[in-house]
Amino acid sequence: LPAGRWAAVQVKDSGSGIAPEDRPRIFDPFFTTKPVGAGTGLGLATVLRIAQISGGGVALETPAGGGACFTVYLPCVD
């Protein structure tokens, strides 16, 4: 993201983390690691698109050992 003023919202969990092979696809519409019928895979794609339309973005941190942290960045408006 370019330099500027940003509002950030973080969502963290303490789960098993996101496997390295899944990371390139986590924002793809309909991508899910859940069993068939247990999820649609639209959540992260929707969050990313809303952030992008607003001029922001989403960052992912998923350290070795588990957990994930998504940070949604939105530009501050004066």
N, C-alpha and C. Protein backbone atom coordinates (compact mmCIF):
# COMPACT_ATOMS: atom_id res chain seq x y z
N LEU A 1 0.84 -1.19 0.00
CA LEU A 1 0.00 0.00 0.00
C LEU A 1 0.88 1.24 0.00
N PRO A 2 0.42 2.30 -0.61
CA PRO A 2 1.22 3.53 -0.63
C PRO A 2 1.28 4.18 0.75
N ALA A 3 2.25 5.05 0.93
CA ALA A 3 2.35 5.78 2.19
C ALA A 3 1.09 6.61 2.39
N GLY A 4 0.68 6.75 3.62
CA GLY A 4 -0.51 7.52 3.92
C GLY A 4 -1.08 7.12 5.27
N ARG A 5 -2.25 7.64 5.56
CA ARG A 5 -2.93 7.32 6.81
C ARG A 5 -3.91 6.17 6.57
N TRP A 6 -3.81 5.15 7.43
CA TRP A 6 -4.63 3.96 7.28
C TRP A 6 -5.30 3.61 8.59
N ALA A 7 -6.52 3.14 8.51
CA ALA A 7 -7.19 2.50 9.64
C ALA A 7 -6.99 1.00 9.45
N ALA A 8 -6.71 0.30 10.54
CA ALA A 8 -6.45 -1.13 10.44
C ALA A 8 -7.35 -1.88 11.42
N VAL A 9 -7.88 -2.99 10.94
CA VAL A 9 -8.68 -3.89 11.76
C VAL A 9 -8.03 -5.27 11.66
N GLN A 10 -7.72 -5.87 12.82
CA GLN A 10 -7.11 -7.19 12.83
C GLN A 10 -8.07 -8.24 13.35
N VAL A 11 -8.02 -9.39 12.71
CA VAL A 11 -8.77 -10.56 13.17
C VAL A 11 -7.75 -11.69 13.30
N LYS A 12 -7.65 -12.25 14.52
CA LYS A 12 -6.68 -13.30 14.81
C LYS A 12 -7.38 -14.55 15.29
N ASP A 13 -6.73 -15.69 15.04
CA ASP A 13 -7.20 -16.93 15.63
C ASP A 13 -5.99 -17.72 16.12
N SER A 14 -6.26 -18.77 16.84
CA SER A 14 -5.19 -19.60 17.38
C SER A 14 -5.26 -21.01 16.82
N GLY A 15 -5.79 -21.12 15.61
CA GLY A 15 -5.94 -22.42 14.97
C GLY A 15 -4.62 -22.97 14.47
N SER A 16 -4.70 -23.86 13.52
CA SER A 16 -3.52 -24.56 13.00
C SER A 16 -2.75 -23.73 11.97
N GLY A 17 -3.24 -22.56 11.63
CA GLY A 17 -2.57 -21.73 10.63
C GLY A 17 -3.01 -22.11 9.22
N ILE A 18 -2.43 -21.44 8.25
CA ILE A 18 -2.78 -21.68 6.85
C ILE A 18 -1.58 -22.32 6.18
N ALA A 19 -1.79 -23.47 5.60
CA ALA A 19 -0.70 -24.23 4.97
C ALA A 19 -0.06 -23.41 3.85
N PRO A 20 1.25 -23.48 3.72
CA PRO A 20 1.93 -22.71 2.66
C PRO A 20 1.36 -22.94 1.27
N GLU A 21 0.95 -24.16 0.97
CA GLU A 21 0.42 -24.44 -0.37
C GLU A 21 -0.96 -23.82 -0.60
N ASP A 22 -1.67 -23.47 0.48
CA ASP A 22 -2.99 -22.85 0.35
C ASP A 22 -2.93 -21.33 0.29
N ARG A 23 -1.86 -20.73 0.78
CA ARG A 23 -1.77 -19.27 0.88
C ARG A 23 -1.98 -18.53 -0.44
N PRO A 24 -1.44 -19.01 -1.57
CA PRO A 24 -1.68 -18.26 -2.81
C PRO A 24 -3.15 -18.21 -3.24
N ARG A 25 -3.99 -19.10 -2.71
CA ARG A 25 -5.37 -19.19 -3.18
C ARG A 25 -6.41 -18.72 -2.17
N ILE A 26 -6.01 -18.32 -0.95
CA ILE A 26 -7.00 -18.08 0.09
C ILE A 26 -7.99 -16.97 -0.23
N PHE A 27 -7.63 -16.06 -1.13
CA PHE A 27 -8.54 -14.97 -1.49
C PHE A 27 -9.32 -15.28 -2.77
N ASP A 28 -9.12 -16.47 -3.34
CA ASP A 28 -9.86 -16.85 -4.55
C ASP A 28 -11.32 -17.13 -4.19
N PRO A 29 -12.26 -16.62 -5.00
CA PRO A 29 -13.67 -16.95 -4.75
C PRO A 29 -13.88 -18.46 -4.78
N PHE A 30 -14.63 -18.96 -3.85
CA PHE A 30 -15.03 -20.36 -3.72
C PHE A 30 -13.91 -21.29 -3.28
N PHE A 31 -12.72 -20.76 -2.95
CA PHE A 31 -11.67 -21.62 -2.41
C PHE A 31 -11.95 -21.86 -0.93
N THR A 32 -11.92 -23.11 -0.52
CA THR A 32 -12.09 -23.47 0.88
C THR A 32 -11.33 -24.74 1.17
N THR A 33 -10.89 -24.89 2.39
CA THR A 33 -10.26 -26.12 2.83
C THR A 33 -11.24 -26.96 3.63
N LYS A 34 -12.45 -26.48 3.76
CA LYS A 34 -13.48 -27.21 4.51
C LYS A 34 -14.06 -28.33 3.65
N PRO A 35 -14.65 -29.33 4.29
CA PRO A 35 -15.29 -30.41 3.53
C PRO A 35 -16.47 -29.88 2.70
N VAL A 36 -16.82 -30.60 1.67
CA VAL A 36 -17.96 -30.23 0.82
C VAL A 36 -19.19 -30.05 1.69
N GLY A 37 -19.89 -28.93 1.48
CA GLY A 37 -21.10 -28.63 2.23
C GLY A 37 -20.87 -27.89 3.53
N ALA A 38 -19.60 -27.66 3.89
CA ALA A 38 -19.30 -27.01 5.18
C ALA A 38 -18.91 -25.55 5.03
N GLY A 39 -18.86 -25.05 3.81
CA GLY A 39 -18.50 -23.64 3.62
C GLY A 39 -18.48 -23.29 2.15
N THR A 40 -18.73 -22.01 1.84
CA THR A 40 -18.80 -21.60 0.45
C THR A 40 -17.49 -21.03 -0.07
N GLY A 41 -16.61 -20.58 0.82
CA GLY A 41 -15.35 -20.02 0.37
C GLY A 41 -15.48 -18.62 -0.20
N LEU A 42 -16.46 -17.85 0.24
CA LEU A 42 -16.63 -16.49 -0.27
C LEU A 42 -16.18 -15.41 0.70
N GLY A 43 -15.94 -15.75 1.95
CA GLY A 43 -15.65 -14.75 2.96
C GLY A 43 -14.42 -13.91 2.68
N LEU A 44 -13.26 -14.54 2.51
CA LEU A 44 -12.03 -13.77 2.30
C LEU A 44 -12.03 -13.06 0.96
N ALA A 45 -12.61 -13.65 -0.08
CA ALA A 45 -12.69 -12.98 -1.37
C ALA A 45 -13.52 -11.71 -1.25
N THR A 46 -14.60 -11.77 -0.50
CA THR A 46 -15.46 -10.60 -0.30
C THR A 46 -14.75 -9.52 0.50
N VAL A 47 -14.09 -9.91 1.58
CA VAL A 47 -13.35 -8.94 2.40
C VAL A 47 -12.29 -8.24 1.57
N LEU A 48 -11.51 -9.01 0.81
CA LEU A 48 -10.46 -8.40 -0.02
C LEU A 48 -11.05 -7.44 -1.04
N ARG A 49 -12.11 -7.81 -1.69
CA ARG A 49 -12.70 -6.95 -2.74
C ARG A 49 -13.23 -5.65 -2.14
N ILE A 50 -13.89 -5.73 -1.01
CA ILE A 50 -14.39 -4.51 -0.36
C ILE A 50 -13.23 -3.60 0.02
N ALA A 51 -12.17 -4.18 0.57
CA ALA A 51 -11.00 -3.38 0.93
C ALA A 51 -10.38 -2.73 -0.31
N GLN A 52 -10.26 -3.48 -1.40
CA GLN A 52 -9.67 -2.94 -2.63
C GLN A 52 -10.52 -1.82 -3.22
N ILE A 53 -11.83 -2.01 -3.27
CA ILE A 53 -12.72 -0.98 -3.81
C ILE A 53 -12.60 0.30 -3.00
N SER A 54 -12.34 0.15 -1.70
CA SER A 54 -12.19 1.31 -0.82
C SER A 54 -10.80 1.93 -0.89
N GLY A 55 -9.91 1.34 -1.66
CA GLY A 55 -8.55 1.86 -1.79
C GLY A 55 -7.56 1.24 -0.82
N GLY A 56 -7.95 0.15 -0.17
CA GLY A 56 -7.09 -0.50 0.81
C GLY A 56 -6.69 -1.89 0.40
N GLY A 57 -6.43 -2.72 1.37
CA GLY A 57 -5.99 -4.08 1.10
C GLY A 57 -6.07 -4.92 2.36
N VAL A 58 -5.60 -6.17 2.23
CA VAL A 58 -5.61 -7.12 3.33
C VAL A 58 -4.24 -7.80 3.40
N ALA A 59 -3.71 -7.92 4.60
CA ALA A 59 -2.44 -8.62 4.81
C ALA A 59 -2.69 -9.84 5.68
N LEU A 60 -1.90 -10.88 5.44
CA LEU A 60 -1.99 -12.12 6.20
C LEU A 60 -0.66 -12.41 6.88
N GLU A 61 -0.73 -12.76 8.15
CA GLU A 61 0.41 -13.31 8.87
C GLU A 61 -0.03 -14.65 9.44
N THR A 62 0.73 -15.70 9.17
CA THR A 62 0.43 -17.01 9.71
C THR A 62 1.74 -17.67 10.09
N PRO A 63 2.17 -17.43 11.32
CA PRO A 63 3.48 -17.91 11.75
C PRO A 63 3.53 -19.43 11.87
N ALA A 64 4.75 -19.96 11.77
CA ALA A 64 4.94 -21.39 11.99
C ALA A 64 4.46 -21.73 13.39
N GLY A 65 3.78 -22.81 13.53
CA GLY A 65 3.28 -23.20 14.83
C GLY A 65 1.80 -22.92 15.02
N GLY A 66 1.19 -22.21 14.08
CA GLY A 66 -0.25 -22.05 14.15
C GLY A 66 -0.73 -20.63 14.27
N GLY A 67 -2.03 -20.51 14.08
CA GLY A 67 -2.68 -19.21 14.15
C GLY A 67 -2.61 -18.46 12.84
N ALA A 68 -3.45 -17.47 12.72
CA ALA A 68 -3.47 -16.60 11.55
C ALA A 68 -3.94 -15.23 12.00
N CYS A 69 -3.43 -14.20 11.34
CA CYS A 69 -3.84 -12.83 11.62
C CYS A 69 -4.07 -12.13 10.29
N PHE A 70 -5.29 -11.69 10.08
CA PHE A 70 -5.63 -10.90 8.89
C PHE A 70 -5.76 -9.45 9.33
N THR A 71 -5.09 -8.54 8.61
CA THR A 71 -5.20 -7.11 8.88
C THR A 71 -5.83 -6.46 7.67
N VAL A 72 -6.97 -5.82 7.87
CA VAL A 72 -7.66 -5.09 6.81
C VAL A 72 -7.26 -3.63 6.93
N TYR A 73 -6.71 -3.07 5.86
CA TYR A 73 -6.30 -1.68 5.82
C TYR A 73 -7.28 -0.88 4.96
N LEU A 74 -7.79 0.21 5.53
CA LEU A 74 -8.68 1.11 4.82
C LEU A 74 -8.12 2.51 4.93
N PRO A 75 -8.18 3.30 3.85
CA PRO A 75 -7.63 4.65 3.92
C PRO A 75 -8.46 5.54 4.83
N CYS A 76 -7.77 6.39 5.59
CA CYS A 76 -8.47 7.37 6.42
C CYS A 76 -8.95 8.50 5.53
N VAL A 77 -10.13 8.98 5.79
CA VAL A 77 -10.71 10.07 5.01
C VAL A 77 -10.84 11.28 5.93
N ASP A 78 -10.33 12.40 5.46
CA ASP A 78 -10.40 13.64 6.24
C ASP A 78 -11.72 14.33 6.06
